């Protein structure tokens, strides 16, 4: 494998275990979607047991609450077993945005979040996918706020400034009690 900077890699899943005798991997996708794997075309498997290796994605299909991943170069249960528990990574430069105003989770995690009035709410620490819309988990010390990722609530995202601006009028959603 060509040496790849870890800054250019993004974890997108984890191998649970081999599946069957022909080298399929039963995996968990962090995005819950097939798209990231298929669009990337290849993935890197990082495991404590073997050197990090890059494989071309041959196929991916949903299976129960996971996915079955076939990679070129892994054709037996023994070969698949070597990657049990491996982290699945893709190169960030393989990601493509479909629309303006679309952001990847890794770009948003760590942003400072402010109300439109300028009040600091906290730092975006986690994103929860609910199916209909994402929920941003914003923390400031022990305070935690859950912010729906909806237009009209999220007013502006500035990746250069590492800031997110949200609407002031979302009463009932914020834990703004003074301590």
Protein backbone atom coordinates (compact mmCIF):
# COMPACT_ATOMS: atom_id res chain seq x y z
CA UNK A 1 0.00 0.00 0.00
CA UNK A 2 1.22 3.51 -0.69
CA UNK A 3 1.90 5.39 2.54
CA UNK A 4 -1.19 7.43 3.43
CA UNK A 5 -1.29 10.21 6.00
CA UNK A 6 -3.72 9.33 8.79
CA UNK A 7 -5.05 12.90 8.46
CA UNK A 8 -6.39 11.93 5.03
CA UNK A 9 -8.23 8.85 6.34
CA UNK A 10 -11.76 8.66 7.68
CA UNK A 11 -13.19 5.73 9.66
CA UNK A 12 -16.46 4.58 8.08
CA UNK A 13 -17.02 1.22 9.70
CA UNK A 14 -15.74 -1.81 11.55
CA UNK A 15 -15.43 -5.47 10.68
CA UNK A 16 -17.46 -7.60 13.05
CA UNK A 17 -16.39 -11.02 11.80
CA UNK A 18 -16.07 -13.19 8.68
CA UNK A 19 -19.30 -14.37 7.09
CA UNK A 20 -19.32 -17.74 5.33
CA UNK A 21 -16.37 -19.48 3.73
CA UNK A 22 -15.75 -17.27 0.69
CA UNK A 23 -14.19 -14.26 2.40
CA UNK A 24 -17.20 -12.03 3.04
CA UNK A 25 -16.88 -9.62 5.95
CA UNK A 26 -19.81 -8.82 8.20
CA UNK A 27 -19.42 -5.12 8.99
CA UNK A 28 -21.00 -2.19 10.76
CA UNK A 29 -21.21 1.03 8.74
CA UNK A 30 -20.87 4.17 10.87
CA UNK A 31 -23.03 6.05 8.39
CA UNK A 32 -25.60 3.24 8.15
CA UNK A 33 -25.33 3.54 4.39
CA UNK A 34 -23.74 1.72 1.48
CA UNK A 35 -22.92 4.90 -0.42
CA UNK A 36 -19.64 5.80 1.30
CA UNK A 37 -18.15 2.39 0.53
CA UNK A 38 -19.33 2.21 -3.05
CA UNK A 39 -18.37 5.78 -3.97
CA UNK A 40 -14.90 5.39 -2.45
CA UNK A 41 -14.22 2.33 -4.60
CA UNK A 42 -11.60 1.04 -2.19
CA UNK A 43 -11.19 0.81 1.57
CA UNK A 44 -8.32 0.37 3.96
CA UNK A 45 -8.50 -2.22 6.75
CA UNK A 46 -6.55 -1.34 9.87
CA UNK A 47 -5.99 -4.16 12.31
CA UNK A 48 -3.56 -4.94 15.12
CA UNK A 49 -3.02 -8.42 13.62
CA UNK A 50 -1.84 -7.39 10.13
CA UNK A 51 -0.46 -4.35 8.33
CA UNK A 52 -2.99 -1.82 7.09
CA UNK A 53 -4.03 -2.93 3.62
CA UNK A 54 -6.08 -1.36 0.83
CA UNK A 55 -8.71 -3.38 -1.04
CA UNK A 56 -11.05 -2.65 -3.95
CA UNK A 57 -14.72 -2.92 -2.96
CA UNK A 58 -16.29 -5.74 -5.01
CA UNK A 59 -19.76 -5.58 -3.44
CA UNK A 60 -21.72 -4.51 -0.40
CA UNK A 61 -25.17 -5.65 0.60
CA UNK A 62 -27.40 -5.13 3.64
CA UNK A 63 -27.70 -8.16 5.93
CA UNK A 64 -29.86 -8.07 9.09
CA UNK A 65 -28.64 -5.05 11.08
CA UNK A 66 -25.23 -5.00 9.35
CA UNK A 67 -23.69 -5.27 5.87
CA UNK A 68 -21.80 -7.96 4.00
CA UNK A 69 -18.70 -6.60 2.30
CA UNK A 70 -16.77 -8.43 -0.43
CA UNK A 71 -13.28 -7.13 -1.12
CA UNK A 72 -11.03 -8.12 -4.00
CA UNK A 73 -8.14 -10.09 -2.53
CA UNK A 74 -10.02 -11.63 0.39
CA UNK A 75 -11.43 -14.91 -0.87
CA UNK A 76 -11.47 -17.30 2.08
CA UNK A 77 -12.68 -17.51 5.64
CA UNK A 78 -9.05 -17.66 6.85
CA UNK A 79 -8.15 -14.47 4.94
CA UNK A 80 -11.27 -12.73 6.28
CA UNK A 81 -10.57 -13.88 9.85
CA UNK A 82 -7.32 -11.87 9.88
CA UNK A 83 -9.44 -8.70 9.72
CA UNK A 84 -11.88 -9.53 12.54
CA UNK A 85 -12.41 -6.29 14.49
CA UNK A 86 -10.50 -4.18 11.94
CA UNK A 87 -11.34 -0.55 11.44
CA UNK A 88 -12.53 0.32 7.91
CA UNK A 89 -11.17 3.58 6.54
CA UNK A 90 -11.52 5.53 3.32
CA UNK A 91 -9.48 8.35 1.87
CA UNK A 92 -11.17 11.71 2.52
CA UNK A 93 -10.27 12.83 -1.00
CA UNK A 94 -12.61 10.16 -2.42
CA UNK A 95 -15.62 11.86 -0.83
CA UNK A 96 -17.76 14.03 -3.07
CA UNK A 97 -20.47 16.43 -1.99
CA UNK A 98 -23.71 16.23 -3.91
CA UNK A 99 -24.93 19.78 -3.14
CA UNK A 100 -23.75 23.15 -1.87
CA UNK A 101 -24.47 23.42 1.82
CA UNK A 102 -23.76 19.73 2.38
CA UNK A 103 -21.23 18.84 5.07
CA UNK A 104 -19.57 15.65 6.17
CA UNK A 105 -19.83 14.78 9.86
CA UNK A 106 -16.06 14.91 10.33
CA UNK A 107 -16.14 18.54 9.17
CA UNK A 108 -18.77 19.51 11.76
CA UNK A 109 -17.48 17.71 14.86
CA UNK A 110 -15.54 20.23 16.94
CA UNK A 111 -17.30 23.38 15.69
CA UNK A 112 -18.08 26.07 18.27
CA UNK A 113 -21.85 26.65 18.36
CA UNK A 114 -23.34 30.09 19.01
CA UNK A 115 -26.83 31.53 19.12
CA UNK A 116 -27.52 34.24 16.53
CA UNK A 117 -27.34 36.73 19.41
CA UNK A 118 -23.71 35.70 19.96
CA UNK A 119 -24.12 33.56 23.07
CA UNK A 120 -21.79 30.54 23.15
CA UNK A 121 -23.72 27.25 23.48
CA UNK A 122 -20.86 24.75 23.36
CA UNK A 123 -18.86 22.52 21.05
CA UNK A 124 -20.46 20.05 18.64
CA UNK A 125 -19.22 16.71 20.02
CA UNK A 126 -21.43 14.12 18.34
CA UNK A 127 -24.05 13.70 15.64
CA UNK A 128 -26.99 11.33 16.00
CA UNK A 129 -28.70 10.07 12.85
CA UNK A 130 -32.44 9.76 13.53
CA UNK A 131 -33.50 8.93 9.99
CA UNK A 132 -35.49 12.09 9.37
CA UNK A 133 -32.81 14.59 10.40
CA UNK A 134 -29.56 14.54 12.30
CA UNK A 135 -29.31 15.76 15.89
CA UNK A 136 -26.23 17.73 16.93
CA UNK A 137 -25.00 16.98 20.46
CA UNK A 138 -23.48 20.24 21.71
CA UNK A 139 -21.63 20.25 25.02
CA UNK A 140 -20.29 23.00 27.26
CA UNK A 141 -18.81 21.39 30.36
CA UNK A 142 -21.59 19.38 32.00
CA UNK A 143 -24.32 21.05 29.92
CA UNK A 144 -25.57 19.16 26.90
CA UNK A 145 -27.92 20.46 24.22
CA UNK A 146 -29.53 18.48 21.42
CA UNK A 147 -29.96 20.66 18.34
CA UNK A 148 -32.02 19.43 15.36
CA UNK A 149 -30.02 19.80 12.15
CA UNK A 150 -32.73 21.68 10.28
CA UNK A 151 -32.70 24.74 8.04
CA UNK A 152 -34.20 27.56 10.07
CA UNK A 153 -32.50 26.29 13.23
CA UNK A 154 -28.96 25.98 11.86
CA UNK A 155 -28.46 29.37 10.23
CA UNK A 156 -24.81 29.31 9.20
CA UNK A 157 -21.81 26.98 9.16
CA UNK A 158 -18.37 28.48 8.68
CA UNK A 159 -15.75 25.74 8.46
CA UNK A 160 -12.92 28.29 8.09
CA UNK A 161 -13.88 29.96 11.38
CA UNK A 162 -14.91 26.60 12.91
CA UNK A 163 -18.28 28.08 13.92
CA UNK A 164 -21.95 27.21 13.67
CA UNK A 165 -24.69 29.78 14.18
CA UNK A 166 -28.15 28.68 15.33
CA UNK A 167 -31.46 30.50 15.77
CA UNK A 168 -32.18 32.31 19.04
CA UNK A 169 -35.85 31.34 19.15
CA UNK A 170 -35.66 27.62 19.89
CA UNK A 171 -37.08 27.81 23.40
CA UNK A 172 -37.43 24.48 25.13
CA UNK A 173 -34.61 22.92 23.15
CA UNK A 174 -31.69 24.50 24.96
CA UNK A 175 -30.30 23.95 28.43
CA UNK A 176 -29.16 27.52 29.06
CA UNK A 177 -29.64 27.69 32.82
CA UNK A 178 -26.91 29.73 34.50
CA UNK A 179 -24.88 27.78 37.05
